[in-house]
Amino acid sequence: MLNRRTFVKSVFGGVFASTALTSLHGLAWAHRQKQALSTIEWNARTNILEITHDLHAHDAEQVLAKLGLITSPDLTNLRARARLALYVKEHFRLSTLDGQAIDLTILGAETDATYAHVYMQAELAEQPTGLLITNTMLQDVFVDQINQVNVTITDILQSVVFVAGDMQKKILA
C-alpha cells in the first residue's frame, strides 16, 4: 500500500534519478571543440619562418572527405596526407606588412593517434617586422572551427585566433 511518506519518497527519488540520468546523458553528448593550432617561429640562424599546423586528425579527415579531396576519411596513406598539406596551403596564408605574399613551402605531413601535423617553411631575406595572417583551415565545413596561431618572431610569443568569417590579422614583431 502506498502511503504519503512512500509516495513522496518515490516521487523525489524518481525526480532525482531522472535528473541524474539527464545530466549523464548530457555528458555523453558533450564533444570537444573543433580547434587547430598553428605555430610560426623565426629561425634567425637560417632566416626561415618555420610553421607547424596541428589539426585533429578526425576533423581533417572529415573535411577532406566532404570536399571530395580524399575518397574516404583516412589520412594513413601518403596521397591523403599530401592532399591535406595542399589544402592547408590554400587556407593558410602569410604576407608581409606591406601586403606582399610570402611563399610557403610544404615540407610534409604526418599523423599520430590524434593529430595530423603539416610542416611548412618560408625563406626570407631578413627577420620580418610583422606578419599578416589568414587562417580558414577546416572552416569551410565546420563553422564552429577555431584556429589559433602562435607567433614567435622575437623572444615574445604572440597569438591570434580565427573563427569563421575572420579576415586577415596582423602580428607585429
C-alpha atoms as a PDB file:
ATOM      1  CA  MET A   1       0.000   0.000   0.000  1.00  0.00           C
ATOM      2  CA  LEU A   2       1.294   3.457  -0.901  1.00  0.00           C
ATOM      3  CA  ASN A   3       1.148   5.950   1.981  1.00  0.00           C
ATOM      4  CA  ARG A   4       2.094   9.626   1.866  1.00  0.00           C
ATOM      5  CA  ARG A   5       5.682   9.033   3.009  1.00  0.00           C
ATOM      6  CA  THR A   6       6.253   6.296   0.415  1.00  0.00           C
ATOM      7  CA  PHE A   7       4.617   8.435  -2.266  1.00  0.00           C
ATOM      8  CA  VAL A   8       6.832  11.488  -1.506  1.00  0.00           C
ATOM      9  CA  LYS A   9       9.925   9.266  -1.323  1.00  0.00           C
ATOM     10  CA  SER A  10       9.145   7.602  -4.658  1.00  0.00           C
ATOM     11  CA  VAL A  11       8.363  10.920  -6.394  1.00  0.00           C
ATOM     12  CA  PHE A  12      11.542  12.642  -5.138  1.00  0.00           C
ATOM     13  CA  GLY A  13      13.570   9.519  -5.804  1.00  0.00           C
ATOM     14  CA  GLY A  14      12.207   9.423  -9.338  1.00  0.00           C
ATOM     15  CA  VAL A  15      12.901  13.121  -9.871  1.00  0.00           C
ATOM     16  CA  PHE A  16      16.445  12.721  -8.521  1.00  0.00           C
ATOM     17  CA  ALA A  17      17.100   9.659 -10.693  1.00  0.00           C
ATOM     18  CA  SER A  18      15.638  11.397 -13.736  1.00  0.00           C
ATOM     19  CA  THR A  19      17.789  14.492 -13.128  1.00  0.00           C
ATOM     20  CA  ALA A  20      20.889  12.368 -12.634  1.00  0.00           C
ATOM     21  CA  LEU A  21      20.241  10.398 -15.834  1.00  0.00           C
ATOM     22  CA  THR A  22      19.570  13.593 -17.776  1.00  0.00           C
ATOM     23  CA  SER A  23      22.851  15.052 -16.512  1.00  0.00           C
ATOM     24  CA  LEU A  24      24.758  11.942 -17.507  1.00  0.00           C
ATOM     25  CA  HIS A  25      23.001  11.928 -20.855  1.00  0.00           C
ATOM     26  CA  GLY A  26      24.271  15.500 -21.428  1.00  0.00           C
ATOM     27  CA  LEU A  27      27.815  14.388 -20.649  1.00  0.00           C
ATOM     28  CA  ALA A  28      27.531  11.570 -23.130  1.00  0.00           C
ATOM     29  CA  TRP A  29      26.606  14.081 -25.828  1.00  0.00           C
ATOM     30  CA  ALA A  30      29.352  16.539 -24.907  1.00  0.00           C
ATOM     31  CA  HIS A  31      32.057  16.876 -27.555  1.00  0.00           C
ATOM     32  CA  ARG A  32      35.393  18.563 -27.816  1.00  0.00           C
ATOM     33  CA  GLN A  33      35.682  21.899 -29.506  1.00  0.00           C
ATOM     34  CA  LYS A  34      36.928  21.952 -33.053  1.00  0.00           C
ATOM     35  CA  GLN A  35      40.317  23.630 -32.775  1.00  0.00           C
ATOM     36  CA  ALA A  36      43.605  23.746 -34.637  1.00  0.00           C
ATOM     37  CA  LEU A  37      46.932  25.218 -33.601  1.00  0.00           C
ATOM     38  CA  SER A  38      49.476  26.730 -35.947  1.00  0.00           C
ATOM     39  CA  THR A  39      52.924  27.740 -34.736  1.00  0.00           C
ATOM     40  CA  ILE A  40      55.187  30.180 -36.562  1.00  0.00           C
ATOM     41  CA  GLU A  41      58.760  30.584 -35.331  1.00  0.00           C
ATOM     42  CA  TRP A  42      61.541  32.720 -36.747  1.00  0.00           C
ATOM     43  CA  ASN A  43      64.866  30.884 -37.026  1.00  0.00           C
ATOM     44  CA  ALA A  44      67.462  33.695 -37.097  1.00  0.00           C
ATOM     45  CA  ARG A  45      70.293  31.249 -37.836  1.00  0.00           C
ATOM     46  CA  THR A  46      68.735  30.147 -41.143  1.00  0.00           C
ATOM     47  CA  ASN A  47      66.446  33.129 -41.933  1.00  0.00           C
ATOM     48  CA  ILE A  48      63.496  30.756 -42.155  1.00  0.00           C
ATOM     49  CA  LEU A  49      59.983  31.015 -40.789  1.00  0.00           C
ATOM     50  CA  GLU A  50      59.211  27.509 -39.506  1.00  0.00           C
ATOM     51  CA  ILE A  51      55.492  26.695 -39.495  1.00  0.00           C
ATOM     52  CA  THR A  52      53.704  23.733 -37.938  1.00  0.00           C
ATOM     53  CA  HIS A  53      49.965  23.103 -38.123  1.00  0.00           C
ATOM     54  CA  ASP A  54      48.392  20.672 -35.645  1.00  0.00           C
ATOM     55  CA  LEU A  55      44.852  19.621 -36.540  1.00  0.00           C
ATOM     56  CA  HIS A  56      42.646  16.938 -35.018  1.00  0.00           C
ATOM     57  CA  ALA A  57      43.085  14.095 -37.496  1.00  0.00           C
ATOM     58  CA  HIS A  58      39.399  13.140 -37.372  1.00  0.00           C
ATOM     59  CA  ASP A  59      38.321  16.700 -38.238  1.00  0.00           C
ATOM     60  CA  ALA A  60      40.836  16.960 -41.077  1.00  0.00           C
ATOM     61  CA  GLU A  61      39.711  13.585 -42.467  1.00  0.00           C
ATOM     62  CA  GLN A  62      36.053  14.625 -42.334  1.00  0.00           C
ATOM     63  CA  VAL A  63      36.690  17.933 -44.112  1.00  0.00           C
ATOM     64  CA  LEU A  64      38.824  16.428 -46.877  1.00  0.00           C
ATOM     65  CA  ALA A  65      36.277  13.642 -47.448  1.00  0.00           C
ATOM     66  CA  LYS A  66      33.314  16.072 -47.508  1.00  0.00           C
ATOM     67  CA  LEU A  67      35.126  18.274 -50.012  1.00  0.00           C
ATOM     68  CA  GLY A  68      35.906  15.236 -52.185  1.00  0.00           C
ATOM     69  CA  LEU A  69      39.674  15.652 -51.788  1.00  0.00           C
ATOM     70  CA  ILE A  70      40.051  12.102 -50.444  1.00  0.00           C
ATOM     71  CA  THR A  71      37.813   9.115 -51.139  1.00  0.00           C
ATOM     72  CA  SER A  72      37.412   8.021 -47.515  1.00  0.00           C
ATOM     73  CA  PRO A  73      38.090   9.770 -44.202  1.00  0.00           C
ATOM     74  CA  ASP A  74      41.545   8.296 -43.665  1.00  0.00           C
ATOM     75  CA  LEU A  75      44.919  10.075 -43.557  1.00  0.00           C
ATOM     76  CA  THR A  76      47.091   6.978 -43.207  1.00  0.00           C
ATOM     77  CA  ASN A  77      48.254   6.919 -46.814  1.00  0.00           C
ATOM     78  CA  LEU A  78      50.759   9.322 -48.322  1.00  0.00           C
ATOM     79  CA  ARG A  79      48.397  10.655 -51.001  1.00  0.00           C
ATOM     80  CA  ALA A  80      45.799  11.683 -48.375  1.00  0.00           C
ATOM     81  CA  ARG A  81      48.443  13.458 -46.284  1.00  0.00           C
ATOM     82  CA  ALA A  82      49.688  15.249 -49.421  1.00  0.00           C
ATOM     83  CA  ARG A  83      46.128  16.409 -50.136  1.00  0.00           C
ATOM     84  CA  LEU A  84      45.896  17.649 -46.548  1.00  0.00           C
ATOM     85  CA  ALA A  85      49.126  19.632 -46.937  1.00  0.00           C
ATOM     86  CA  LEU A  86      47.863  21.213 -50.178  1.00  0.00           C
ATOM     87  CA  TYR A  87      44.528  22.006 -48.524  1.00  0.00           C
ATOM     88  CA  VAL A  88      46.341  23.706 -45.622  1.00  0.00           C
ATOM     89  CA  LYS A  89      48.462  25.743 -48.042  1.00  0.00           C
ATOM     90  CA  GLU A  90      45.278  27.021 -49.702  1.00  0.00           C
ATOM     91  CA  HIS A  91      43.706  28.007 -46.367  1.00  0.00           C
ATOM     92  CA  PHE A  92      46.717  29.434 -44.524  1.00  0.00           C
ATOM     93  CA  ARG A  93      48.461  32.459 -45.954  1.00  0.00           C
ATOM     94  CA  LEU A  94      51.157  34.843 -44.762  1.00  0.00           C
ATOM     95  CA  SER A  95      52.044  38.269 -46.087  1.00  0.00           C
ATOM     96  CA  THR A  96      54.494  40.978 -45.156  1.00  0.00           C
ATOM     97  CA  LEU A  97      53.085  44.093 -43.509  1.00  0.00           C
ATOM     98  CA  ASP A  98      53.014  45.826 -46.902  1.00  0.00           C
ATOM     99  CA  GLY A  99      50.849  43.039 -48.342  1.00  0.00           C
ATOM    100  CA  GLN A 100      53.482  41.029 -50.265  1.00  0.00           C
ATOM    101  CA  ALA A 101      52.546  37.331 -50.203  1.00  0.00           C
ATOM    102  CA  ILE A 102      55.103  35.098 -48.512  1.00  0.00           C
ATOM    103  CA  ASP A 103      55.704  31.880 -50.446  1.00  0.00           C
ATOM    104  CA  LEU A 104      55.199  28.887 -48.162  1.00  0.00           C
ATOM    105  CA  THR A 105      56.975  25.643 -48.980  1.00  0.00           C
ATOM    106  CA  ILE A 106      55.347  22.409 -47.841  1.00  0.00           C
ATOM    107  CA  LEU A 107      57.849  20.149 -46.090  1.00  0.00           C
ATOM    108  CA  GLY A 108      55.476  17.300 -45.347  1.00  0.00           C
ATOM    109  CA  ALA A 109      52.635  15.939 -43.258  1.00  0.00           C
ATOM    110  CA  GLU A 110      52.308  13.147 -40.741  1.00  0.00           C
ATOM    111  CA  THR A 111      49.727  11.755 -38.352  1.00  0.00           C
ATOM    112  CA  ASP A 112      49.728  10.214 -34.919  1.00  0.00           C
ATOM    113  CA  ALA A 113      46.855   8.683 -32.974  1.00  0.00           C
ATOM    114  CA  THR A 114      45.070  12.013 -32.517  1.00  0.00           C
ATOM    115  CA  TYR A 115      46.593  14.721 -34.698  1.00  0.00           C
ATOM    116  CA  ALA A 116      47.604  15.492 -38.238  1.00  0.00           C
ATOM    117  CA  HIS A 117      50.704  17.680 -38.492  1.00  0.00           C
ATOM    118  CA  VAL A 118      51.574  19.749 -41.542  1.00  0.00           C
ATOM    119  CA  TYR A 119      55.037  21.321 -41.785  1.00  0.00           C
ATOM    120  CA  MET A 120      55.881  24.370 -43.890  1.00  0.00           C
ATOM    121  CA  GLN A 121      58.595  26.981 -44.130  1.00  0.00           C
ATOM    122  CA  ALA A 122      59.337  30.311 -45.768  1.00  0.00           C
ATOM    123  CA  GLU A 123      62.824  31.564 -46.543  1.00  0.00           C
ATOM    124  CA  LEU A 124      63.117  35.313 -46.007  1.00  0.00           C
ATOM    125  CA  ALA A 125      65.959  37.768 -46.639  1.00  0.00           C
ATOM    126  CA  GLU A 126      65.612  39.199 -43.125  1.00  0.00           C
ATOM    127  CA  GLN A 127      63.623  38.920 -39.937  1.00  0.00           C
ATOM    128  CA  PRO A 128      60.077  40.187 -40.529  1.00  0.00           C
ATOM    129  CA  THR A 129      58.835  43.215 -38.617  1.00  0.00           C
ATOM    130  CA  GLY A 130      55.403  41.656 -38.557  1.00  0.00           C
ATOM    131  CA  LEU A 131      53.048  39.385 -40.457  1.00  0.00           C
ATOM    132  CA  LEU A 132      49.593  39.479 -41.968  1.00  0.00           C
ATOM    133  CA  ILE A 133      47.985  36.095 -41.358  1.00  0.00           C
ATOM    134  CA  THR A 134      44.921  34.443 -42.879  1.00  0.00           C
ATOM    135  CA  ASN A 135      43.737  31.100 -41.495  1.00  0.00           C
ATOM    136  CA  THR A 136      40.496  29.491 -42.686  1.00  0.00           C
ATOM    137  CA  MET A 137      41.521  25.844 -42.228  1.00  0.00           C
ATOM    138  CA  LEU A 138      38.542  23.488 -41.758  1.00  0.00           C
ATOM    139  CA  GLN A 139      36.124  26.436 -41.543  1.00  0.00           C
ATOM    140  CA  ASP A 140      34.652  25.731 -44.977  1.00  0.00           C
ATOM    141  CA  VAL A 141      32.947  22.689 -43.404  1.00  0.00           C
ATOM    142  CA  PHE A 142      32.943  23.383 -39.655  1.00  0.00           C
ATOM    143  CA  VAL A 143      31.524  26.830 -38.887  1.00  0.00           C
ATOM    144  CA  ASP A 144      32.491  26.393 -35.206  1.00  0.00           C
ATOM    145  CA  GLN A 145      36.160  25.729 -36.042  1.00  0.00           C
ATOM    146  CA  ILE A 146      38.625  27.834 -34.027  1.00  0.00           C
ATOM    147  CA  ASN A 147      42.154  28.296 -35.379  1.00  0.00           C
ATOM    148  CA  GLN A 148      44.827  29.660 -33.066  1.00  0.00           C
ATOM    149  CA  VAL A 149      48.140  30.888 -34.447  1.00  0.00           C
ATOM    150  CA  ASN A 150      51.098  31.316 -32.091  1.00  0.00           C
ATOM    151  CA  VAL A 151      53.871  33.501 -33.491  1.00  0.00           C
ATOM    152  CA  THR A 152      57.405  33.940 -32.170  1.00  0.00           C
ATOM    153  CA  ILE A 153      59.379  36.352 -34.337  1.00  0.00           C
ATOM    154  CA  THR A 154      61.370  37.813 -31.461  1.00  0.00           C
ATOM    155  CA  ASP A 155      61.522  36.327 -27.973  1.00  0.00           C
ATOM    156  CA  ILE A 156      57.889  37.272 -27.359  1.00  0.00           C
ATOM    157  CA  LEU A 157      55.096  34.797 -28.093  1.00  0.00           C
ATOM    158  CA  GLN A 158      52.006  36.394 -29.615  1.00  0.00           C
ATOM    159  CA  SER A 159      48.725  34.719 -30.538  1.00  0.00           C
ATOM    160  CA  VAL A 160      45.784  35.411 -32.787  1.00  0.00           C
ATOM    161  CA  VAL A 161      42.577  33.404 -33.011  1.00  0.00           C
ATOM    162  CA  PHE A 162      40.472  32.917 -36.140  1.00  0.00           C
ATOM    163  CA  VAL A 163      36.801  31.992 -36.200  1.00  0.00           C
ATOM    164  CA  ALA A 164      34.616  31.614 -39.279  1.00  0.00           C
ATOM    165  CA  GLY A 165      34.319  34.894 -41.153  1.00  0.00           C
ATOM    166  CA  ASP A 166      37.520  36.421 -39.774  1.00  0.00           C
ATOM    167  CA  MET A 167      39.707  38.250 -42.222  1.00  0.00           C
ATOM    168  CA  GLN A 168      43.443  38.815 -42.212  1.00  0.00           C
ATOM    169  CA  LYS A 169      45.036  39.584 -38.820  1.00  0.00           C
ATOM    170  CA  LYS A 170      48.240  41.440 -38.032  1.00  0.00           C
ATOM    171  CA  ILE A 171      51.112  40.459 -35.722  1.00  0.00           C
ATOM    172  CA  LEU A 172      53.924  42.931 -35.070  1.00  0.00           C
ATOM    173  CA  ALA A 173      57.408  41.736 -34.084  1.00  0.00           C
END
